[in-house]
């Protein structure tokens, strides 16, 4: 059976930012530009703290971001045959 491989939430965040300048977005989120860049590249996870910041800045729910991160993490574990 073919399994769904969800994208990293940072990839989805790129769509939400609609091409905004990273320095504008990181200031709005209260994080360093390098951290935002790592998130957008899929190299940094969405933490609960960041989920709160994203939900406030983007008008989404915290659960959207933490749920996407959990789905992504679970999928990676499944593909690595750990679970």
PDB file of N, CA and C in Angstrom:
ATOM      1  N   UNK A   1       0.835  -1.170   0.000  1.00  0.00           N
ATOM      2  CA  UNK A   1       0.000   0.000   0.000  1.00  0.00           C
ATOM      3  C   UNK A   1       0.891   1.249   0.000  1.00  0.00           C
ATOM      4  N   UNK A   2       0.508   2.197  -0.808  1.00  0.00           N
ATOM      5  CA  UNK A   2       1.251   3.442  -0.899  1.00  0.00           C
ATOM      6  C   UNK A   2       0.907   4.344   0.278  1.00  0.00           C
ATOM      7  N   UNK A   3       1.934   4.935   0.881  1.00  0.00           N
ATOM      8  CA  UNK A   3       1.723   5.761   2.058  1.00  0.00           C
ATOM      9  C   UNK A   3       1.848   7.235   1.713  1.00  0.00           C
ATOM     10  N   UNK A   4       1.069   8.019   2.430  1.00  0.00           N
ATOM     11  CA  UNK A   4       1.110   9.463   2.272  1.00  0.00           C
ATOM     12  C   UNK A   4       2.328  10.011   3.007  1.00  0.00           C
ATOM     13  N   UNK A   5       3.128  10.801   2.321  1.00  0.00           N
ATOM     14  CA  UNK A   5       4.277  11.448   2.932  1.00  0.00           C
ATOM     15  C   UNK A   5       3.991  12.940   3.013  1.00  0.00           C
ATOM     16  N   UNK A   6       3.548  13.396   4.183  1.00  0.00           N
ATOM     17  CA  UNK A   6       3.199  14.811   4.305  1.00  0.00           C
ATOM     18  C   UNK A   6       4.436  15.696   4.182  1.00  0.00           C
ATOM     19  N   UNK A   7       4.253  16.900   3.695  1.00  0.00           N
ATOM     20  CA  UNK A   7       5.386  17.821   3.588  1.00  0.00           C
ATOM     21  C   UNK A   7       5.774  18.347   4.966  1.00  0.00           C
ATOM     22  N   UNK A   8       6.999  18.811   5.058  1.00  0.00           N
ATOM     23  CA  UNK A   8       7.424  19.491   6.278  1.00  0.00           C
ATOM     24  C   UNK A   8       6.582  20.750   6.411  1.00  0.00           C
ATOM     25  N   UNK A   9       6.155  21.113   7.617  1.00  0.00           N
ATOM     26  CA  UNK A   9       5.329  22.309   7.772  1.00  0.00           C
ATOM     27  C   UNK A   9       5.998  23.588   7.272  1.00  0.00           C
ATOM     28  N   UNK A  10       7.306  23.608   7.221  1.00  0.00           N
ATOM     29  CA  UNK A  10       8.006  24.775   6.679  1.00  0.00           C
ATOM     30  C   UNK A  10       7.686  25.002   5.213  1.00  0.00           C
ATOM     31  N   UNK A  11       7.465  23.917   4.492  1.00  0.00           N
ATOM     32  CA  UNK A  11       7.084  24.043   3.075  1.00  0.00           C
ATOM     33  C   UNK A  11       5.697  24.681   2.957  1.00  0.00           C
ATOM     34  N   UNK A  12       4.810  24.291   3.852  1.00  0.00           N
ATOM     35  CA  UNK A  12       3.466  24.863   3.864  1.00  0.00           C
ATOM     36  C   UNK A  12       3.533  26.333   4.288  1.00  0.00           C
ATOM     37  N   UNK A  13       4.412  26.627   5.235  1.00  0.00           N
ATOM     38  CA  UNK A  13       4.582  28.006   5.694  1.00  0.00           C
ATOM     39  C   UNK A  13       4.985  28.919   4.548  1.00  0.00           C
ATOM     40  N   UNK A  14       5.759  28.418   3.619  1.00  0.00           N
ATOM     41  CA  UNK A  14       6.140  29.224   2.455  1.00  0.00           C
ATOM     42  C   UNK A  14       4.904  29.750   1.737  1.00  0.00           C
ATOM     43  N   UNK A  15       3.889  28.903   1.602  1.00  0.00           N
ATOM     44  CA  UNK A  15       2.647  29.323   0.948  1.00  0.00           C
ATOM     45  C   UNK A  15       1.922  30.395   1.760  1.00  0.00           C
ATOM     46  N   UNK A  16       1.915  30.237   3.076  1.00  0.00           N
ATOM     47  CA  UNK A  16       1.252  31.210   3.936  1.00  0.00           C
ATOM     48  C   UNK A  16       1.940  32.566   3.891  1.00  0.00           C
ATOM     49  N   UNK A  17       3.242  32.575   3.690  1.00  0.00           N
ATOM     50  CA  UNK A  17       3.977  33.831   3.683  1.00  0.00           C
ATOM     51  C   UNK A  17       3.818  34.595   2.369  1.00  0.00           C
ATOM     52  N   UNK A  18       3.328  33.935   1.344  1.00  0.00           N
ATOM     53  CA  UNK A  18       3.026  34.578   0.055  1.00  0.00           C
ATOM     54  C   UNK A  18       4.176  35.439  -0.464  1.00  0.00           C
ATOM     55  N   UNK A  19       5.384  34.931  -0.403  1.00  0.00           N
ATOM     56  CA  UNK A  19       6.520  35.646  -0.952  1.00  0.00           C
ATOM     57  C   UNK A  19       6.980  36.851  -0.149  1.00  0.00           C
ATOM     58  N   UNK A  20       6.527  36.955   1.104  1.00  0.00           N
ATOM     59  CA  UNK A  20       6.989  38.063   1.959  1.00  0.00           C
ATOM     60  C   UNK A  20       8.492  37.985   2.134  1.00  0.00           C
ATOM     61  N   UNK A  21       9.070  39.114   2.370  1.00  0.00           N
ATOM     62  CA  UNK A  21      10.489  39.186   2.683  1.00  0.00           C
ATOM     63  C   UNK A  21      10.729  38.439   3.993  1.00  0.00           C
ATOM     64  N   UNK A  22      11.767  37.608   4.037  1.00  0.00           N
ATOM     65  CA  UNK A  22      12.052  36.824   5.244  1.00  0.00           C
ATOM     66  C   UNK A  22      12.286  37.739   6.438  1.00  0.00           C
ATOM     67  N   UNK A  23      12.956  38.867   6.239  1.00  0.00           N
ATOM     68  CA  UNK A  23      13.221  39.753   7.377  1.00  0.00           C
ATOM     69  C   UNK A  23      11.930  40.360   7.931  1.00  0.00           C
ATOM     70  N   UNK A  24      10.939  40.585   7.084  1.00  0.00           N
ATOM     71  CA  UNK A  24       9.647  41.067   7.580  1.00  0.00           C
ATOM     72  C   UNK A  24       8.933  39.967   8.361  1.00  0.00           C
ATOM     73  N   UNK A  25       8.950  38.757   7.823  1.00  0.00           N
ATOM     74  CA  UNK A  25       8.265  37.639   8.463  1.00  0.00           C
ATOM     75  C   UNK A  25       8.924  37.263   9.784  1.00  0.00           C
ATOM     76  N   UNK A  26      10.264  37.242   9.821  1.00  0.00           N
ATOM     77  CA  UNK A  26      10.919  36.851  11.069  1.00  0.00           C
ATOM     78  C   UNK A  26      10.680  37.878  12.162  1.00  0.00           C
ATOM     79  N   UNK A  27      10.620  39.151  11.802  1.00  0.00           N
ATOM     80  CA  UNK A  27      10.328  40.181  12.801  1.00  0.00           C
ATOM     81  C   UNK A  27       8.911  40.023  13.340  1.00  0.00           C
ATOM     82  N   UNK A  28       7.986  39.730  12.460  1.00  0.00           N
ATOM     83  CA  UNK A  28       6.601  39.534  12.882  1.00  0.00           C
ATOM     84  C   UNK A  28       6.483  38.321  13.808  1.00  0.00           C
ATOM     85  N   UNK A  29       7.270  37.291  13.532  1.00  0.00           N
ATOM     86  CA  UNK A  29       7.225  36.079  14.347  1.00  0.00           C
ATOM     87  C   UNK A  29       8.123  36.159  15.580  1.00  0.00           C
ATOM     88  N   UNK A  30       9.037  37.114  15.590  1.00  0.00           N
ATOM     89  CA  UNK A  30       9.946  37.251  16.719  1.00  0.00           C
ATOM     90  C   UNK A  30      11.026  36.191  16.751  1.00  0.00           C
ATOM     91  N   UNK A  31      11.503  35.775  15.575  1.00  0.00           N
ATOM     92  CA  UNK A  31      12.575  34.778  15.495  1.00  0.00           C
ATOM     93  C   UNK A  31      13.689  35.313  14.594  1.00  0.00           C
ATOM     94  N   UNK A  32      14.835  34.694  14.693  1.00  0.00           N
ATOM     95  CA  UNK A  32      15.986  35.091  13.887  1.00  0.00           C
ATOM     96  C   UNK A  32      15.765  34.701  12.425  1.00  0.00           C
ATOM     97  N   UNK A  33      16.301  35.489  11.494  1.00  0.00           N
ATOM     98  CA  UNK A  33      16.161  35.153  10.072  1.00  0.00           C
ATOM     99  C   UNK A  33      16.719  33.770   9.734  1.00  0.00           C
ATOM    100  N   UNK A  34      17.834  33.407  10.365  1.00  0.00           N
ATOM    101  CA  UNK A  34      18.429  32.094  10.078  1.00  0.00           C
ATOM    102  C   UNK A  34      17.502  30.963  10.503  1.00  0.00           C
ATOM    103  N   UNK A  35      16.803  31.155  11.620  1.00  0.00           N
ATOM    104  CA  UNK A  35      15.872  30.122  12.076  1.00  0.00           C
ATOM    105  C   UNK A  35      14.706  29.996  11.107  1.00  0.00           C
ATOM    106  N   UNK A  36      14.153  31.126  10.671  1.00  0.00           N
ATOM    107  CA  UNK A  36      13.050  31.075   9.712  1.00  0.00           C
ATOM    108  C   UNK A  36      13.499  30.405   8.419  1.00  0.00           C
ATOM    109  N   UNK A  37      14.684  30.701   7.990  1.00  0.00           N
ATOM    110  CA  UNK A  37      15.216  30.079   6.779  1.00  0.00           C
ATOM    111  C   UNK A  37      15.322  28.563   6.950  1.00  0.00           C
ATOM    112  N   UNK A  38      15.792  28.107   8.107  1.00  0.00           N
ATOM    113  CA  UNK A  38      15.898  26.660   8.369  1.00  0.00           C
ATOM    114  C   UNK A  38      14.519  26.010   8.398  1.00  0.00           C
ATOM    115  N   UNK A  39      13.545  26.718   8.966  1.00  0.00           N
ATOM    116  CA  UNK A  39      12.177  26.182   9.002  1.00  0.00           C
ATOM    117  C   UNK A  39      11.638  26.049   7.589  1.00  0.00           C
ATOM    118  N   UNK A  40      11.799  27.085   6.793  1.00  0.00           N
ATOM    119  CA  UNK A  40      11.298  27.053   5.414  1.00  0.00           C
ATOM    120  C   UNK A  40      11.988  25.986   4.578  1.00  0.00           C
ATOM    121  N   UNK A  41      13.242  25.676   4.908  1.00  0.00           N
ATOM    122  CA  UNK A  41      13.990  24.631   4.203  1.00  0.00           C
ATOM    123  C   UNK A  41      13.683  23.229   4.726  1.00  0.00           C
ATOM    124  N   UNK A  42      12.904  23.141   5.809  1.00  0.00           N
ATOM    125  CA  UNK A  42      12.578  21.839   6.381  1.00  0.00           C
ATOM    126  C   UNK A  42      13.650  21.295   7.298  1.00  0.00           C
ATOM    127  N   UNK A  43      14.590  22.138   7.715  1.00  0.00           N
ATOM    128  CA  UNK A  43      15.694  21.689   8.566  1.00  0.00           C
ATOM    129  C   UNK A  43      15.450  21.990  10.041  1.00  0.00           C
ATOM    130  N   UNK A  44      14.367  22.665  10.351  1.00  0.00           N
ATOM    131  CA  UNK A  44      14.034  23.027  11.736  1.00  0.00           C
ATOM    132  C   UNK A  44      12.565  22.701  11.959  1.00  0.00           C
ATOM    133  N   UNK A  45      12.255  22.140  13.114  1.00  0.00           N
ATOM    134  CA  UNK A  45      10.882  21.750  13.425  1.00  0.00           C
ATOM    135  C   UNK A  45      10.053  22.924  13.919  1.00  0.00           C
ATOM    136  N   UNK A  46       8.751  22.775  13.794  1.00  0.00           N
ATOM    137  CA  UNK A  46       7.808  23.732  14.352  1.00  0.00           C
ATOM    138  C   UNK A  46       7.592  23.327  15.812  1.00  0.00           C
ATOM    139  N   UNK A  47       8.039  24.171  16.718  1.00  0.00           N
ATOM    140  CA  UNK A  47       7.870  23.910  18.149  1.00  0.00           C
ATOM    141  C   UNK A  47       6.506  24.443  18.598  1.00  0.00           C
ATOM    142  N   UNK A  48       6.040  24.016  19.767  1.00  0.00           N
ATOM    143  CA  UNK A  48       4.780  24.577  20.264  1.00  0.00           C
ATOM    144  C   UNK A  48       4.823  26.098  20.392  1.00  0.00           C
ATOM    145  N   UNK A  49       5.951  26.658  20.826  1.00  0.00           N
ATOM    146  CA  UNK A  49       6.087  28.102  20.928  1.00  0.00           C
ATOM    147  C   UNK A  49       5.943  28.764  19.561  1.00  0.00           C
ATOM    148  N   UNK A  50       6.594  28.196  18.579  1.00  0.00           N
ATOM    149  CA  UNK A  50       6.504  28.753  17.234  1.00  0.00           C
ATOM    150  C   UNK A  50       5.095  28.586  16.675  1.00  0.00           C
ATOM    151  N   UNK A  51       4.427  27.493  17.009  1.00  0.00           N
ATOM    152  CA  UNK A  51       3.046  27.289  16.551  1.00  0.00           C
ATOM    153  C   UNK A  51       2.140  28.401  17.068  1.00  0.00           C
ATOM    154  N   UNK A  52       2.360  28.834  18.319  1.00  0.00           N
ATOM    155  CA  UNK A  52       1.579  29.937  18.874  1.00  0.00           C
ATOM    156  C   UNK A  52       1.870  31.216  18.102  1.00  0.00           C
ATOM    157  N   UNK A  53       3.152  31.464  17.825  1.00  0.00           N
ATOM    158  CA  UNK A  53       3.538  32.673  17.083  1.00  0.00           C
ATOM    159  C   UNK A  53       2.938  32.665  15.674  1.00  0.00           C
ATOM    160  N   UNK A  54       2.994  31.508  15.018  1.00  0.00           N
ATOM    161  CA  UNK A  54       2.439  31.399  13.669  1.00  0.00           C
ATOM    162  C   UNK A  54       0.933  31.603  13.674  1.00  0.00           C
ATOM    163  N   UNK A  55       0.264  31.010  14.651  1.00  0.00           N
ATOM    164  CA  UNK A  55      -1.194  31.142  14.692  1.00  0.00           C
ATOM    165  C   UNK A  55      -1.608  32.596  14.894  1.00  0.00           C
ATOM    166  N   UNK A  56      -0.863  33.312  15.725  1.00  0.00           N
ATOM    167  CA  UNK A  56      -1.161  34.723  15.963  1.00  0.00           C
ATOM    168  C   UNK A  56      -0.878  35.562  14.722  1.00  0.00           C
ATOM    169  N   UNK A  57       0.268  35.339  14.120  1.00  0.00           N
ATOM    170  CA  UNK A  57       0.688  36.149  12.962  1.00  0.00           C
ATOM    171  C   UNK A  57      -0.126  35.863  11.711  1.00  0.00           C
ATOM    172  N   UNK A  58      -0.545  34.609  11.542  1.00  0.00           N
ATOM    173  CA  UNK A  58      -1.184  34.215  10.290  1.00  0.00           C
ATOM    174  C   UNK A  58      -2.687  33.966  10.398  1.00  0.00           C
ATOM    175  N   UNK A  59      -3.212  34.052  11.609  1.00  0.00           N
ATOM    176  CA  UNK A  59      -4.640  33.823  11.784  1.00  0.00           C
ATOM    177  C   UNK A  59      -5.038  32.368  11.611  1.00  0.00           C
ATOM    178  N   UNK A  60      -4.153  31.473  11.990  1.00  0.00           N
ATOM    179  CA  UNK A  60      -4.433  30.046  11.917  1.00  0.00           C
ATOM    180  C   UNK A  60      -4.537  29.497  13.335  1.00  0.00           C
ATOM    181  N   UNK A  61      -4.751  28.212  13.450  1.00  0.00           N
ATOM    182  CA  UNK A  61      -4.757  27.590  14.778  1.00  0.00           C
ATOM    183  C   UNK A  61      -3.363  27.045  15.095  1.00  0.00           C
ATOM    184  N   UNK A  62      -3.067  26.974  16.370  1.00  0.00           N
ATOM    185  CA  UNK A  62      -1.807  26.361  16.799  1.00  0.00           C
ATOM    186  C   UNK A  62      -1.778  24.887  16.381  1.00  0.00           C
ATOM    187  N   UNK A  63      -2.936  24.254  16.471  1.00  0.00           N
ATOM    188  CA  UNK A  63      -3.040  22.833  16.156  1.00  0.00           C
ATOM    189  C   UNK A  63      -2.718  22.527  14.701  1.00  0.00           C
ATOM    190  N   UNK A  64      -2.974  23.489  13.827  1.00  0.00           N
ATOM    191  CA  UNK A  64      -2.613  23.293  12.421  1.00  0.00           C
ATOM    192  C   UNK A  64      -1.129  22.995  12.313  1.00  0.00           C
ATOM    193  N   UNK A  65      -0.312  23.821  12.967  1.00  0.00           N
ATOM    194  CA  UNK A  65       1.139  23.705  12.850  1.00  0.00           C
ATOM    195  C   UNK A  65       1.695  22.525  13.634  1.00  0.00           C
ATOM    196  N   UNK A  66       1.197  22.323  14.858  1.00  0.00           N
ATOM    197  CA  UNK A  66       1.701  21.184  15.632  1.00  0.00           C
ATOM    198  C   UNK A  66       1.229  19.866  15.023  1.00  0.00           C
ATOM    199  N   UNK A  67       0.035  19.873  14.458  1.00  0.00           N
ATOM    200  CA  UNK A  67      -0.470  18.669  13.795  1.00  0.00           C
ATOM    201  C   UNK A  67       0.336  18.319  12.551  1.00  0.00           C
ATOM    202  N   UNK A  68       0.664  19.340  11.747  1.00  0.00           N
ATOM    203  CA  UNK A  68       1.492  19.085  10.559  1.00  0.00           C
ATOM    204  C   UNK A  68       2.861  18.551  10.960  1.00  0.00           C
ATOM    205  N   UNK A  69       3.436  19.128  12.034  1.00  0.00           N
ATOM    206  CA  UNK A  69       4.748  18.664  12.480  1.00  0.00           C
ATOM    207  C   UNK A  69       4.657  17.224  12.958  1.00  0.00           C
ATOM    208  N   UNK A  70       3.621  16.901  13.717  1.00  0.00           N
ATOM    209  CA  UNK A  70       3.444  15.528  14.209  1.00  0.00           C
ATOM    210  C   UNK A  70       3.252  14.550  13.052  1.00  0.00           C
ATOM    211  N   UNK A  71       2.440  14.929  12.064  1.00  0.00           N
ATOM    212  CA  UNK A  71       2.235  14.063  10.894  1.00  0.00           C
ATOM    213  C   UNK A  71       3.539  13.839  10.143  1.00  0.00           C
ATOM    214  N   UNK A  72       4.311  14.908   9.968  1.00  0.00           N
ATOM    215  CA  UNK A  72       5.598  14.809   9.279  1.00  0.00           C
ATOM    216  C   UNK A  72       6.553  13.890  10.045  1.00  0.00           C
ATOM    217  N   UNK A  73       6.647  14.112  11.361  1.00  0.00           N
ATOM    218  CA  UNK A  73       7.542  13.291  12.192  1.00  0.00           C
ATOM    219  C   UNK A  73       7.126  11.824  12.163  1.00  0.00           C
ATOM    220  N   UNK A  74       5.831  11.584  12.287  1.00  0.00           N
ATOM    221  CA  UNK A  74       5.330  10.207  12.283  1.00  0.00           C
ATOM    222  C   UNK A  74       5.623   9.520  10.953  1.00  0.00           C
ATOM    223  N   UNK A  75       5.430  10.241   9.870  1.00  0.00           N
ATOM    224  CA  UNK A  75       5.706   9.681   8.549  1.00  0.00           C
ATOM    225  C   UNK A  75       7.181   9.320   8.388  1.00  0.00           C
ATOM    226  N   UNK A  76       8.058  10.180   8.889  1.00  0.00           N
ATOM    227  CA  UNK A  76       9.504   9.898   8.815  1.00  0.00           C
ATOM    228  C   UNK A  76       9.865   8.663   9.634  1.00  0.00           C
ATOM    229  N   UNK A  77       9.255   8.534  10.809  1.00  0.00           N
ATOM    230  CA  UNK A  77       9.516   7.353  11.631  1.00  0.00           C
ATOM    231  C   UNK A  77       9.031   6.084  10.918  1.00  0.00           C
ATOM    232  N   UNK A  78       7.839   6.178  10.336  1.00  0.00           N
ATOM    233  CA  UNK A  78       7.276   5.020   9.624  1.00  0.00           C
ATOM    234  C   UNK A  78       8.168   4.625   8.449  1.00  0.00           C
ATOM    235  N   UNK A  79       8.646   5.601   7.703  1.00  0.00           N
ATOM    236  CA  UNK A  79       9.481   5.282   6.536  1.00  0.00           C
ATOM    237  C   UNK A  79      10.850   4.765   6.947  1.00  0.00           C
ATOM    238  N   UNK A  80      11.283   5.101   8.161  1.00  0.00           N
ATOM    239  CA  UNK A  80      12.563   4.591   8.660  1.00  0.00           C
ATOM    240  C   UNK A  80      12.383   3.233   9.326  1.00  0.00           C
ATOM    241  N   UNK A  81      11.158   2.714   9.324  1.00  0.00           N
ATOM    242  CA  UNK A  81      10.815   1.407   9.920  1.00  0.00           C
ATOM    243  C   UNK A  81      11.101   1.346  11.402  1.00  0.00           C
ATOM    244  N   UNK A  82      10.995   2.490  12.061  1.00  0.00           N
ATOM    245  CA  UNK A  82      11.183   2.504  13.510  1.00  0.00           C
ATOM    246  C   UNK A  82       9.895   2.105  14.192  1.00  0.00           C
ATOM    247  N   UNK A  83       8.756   2.430  13.563  1.00  0.00           N
ATOM    248  CA  UNK A  83       7.485   2.044  14.175  1.00  0.00           C
ATOM    249  C   UNK A  83       6.761   1.097  13.250  1.00  0.00           C
TER     250      UNK A  83
END
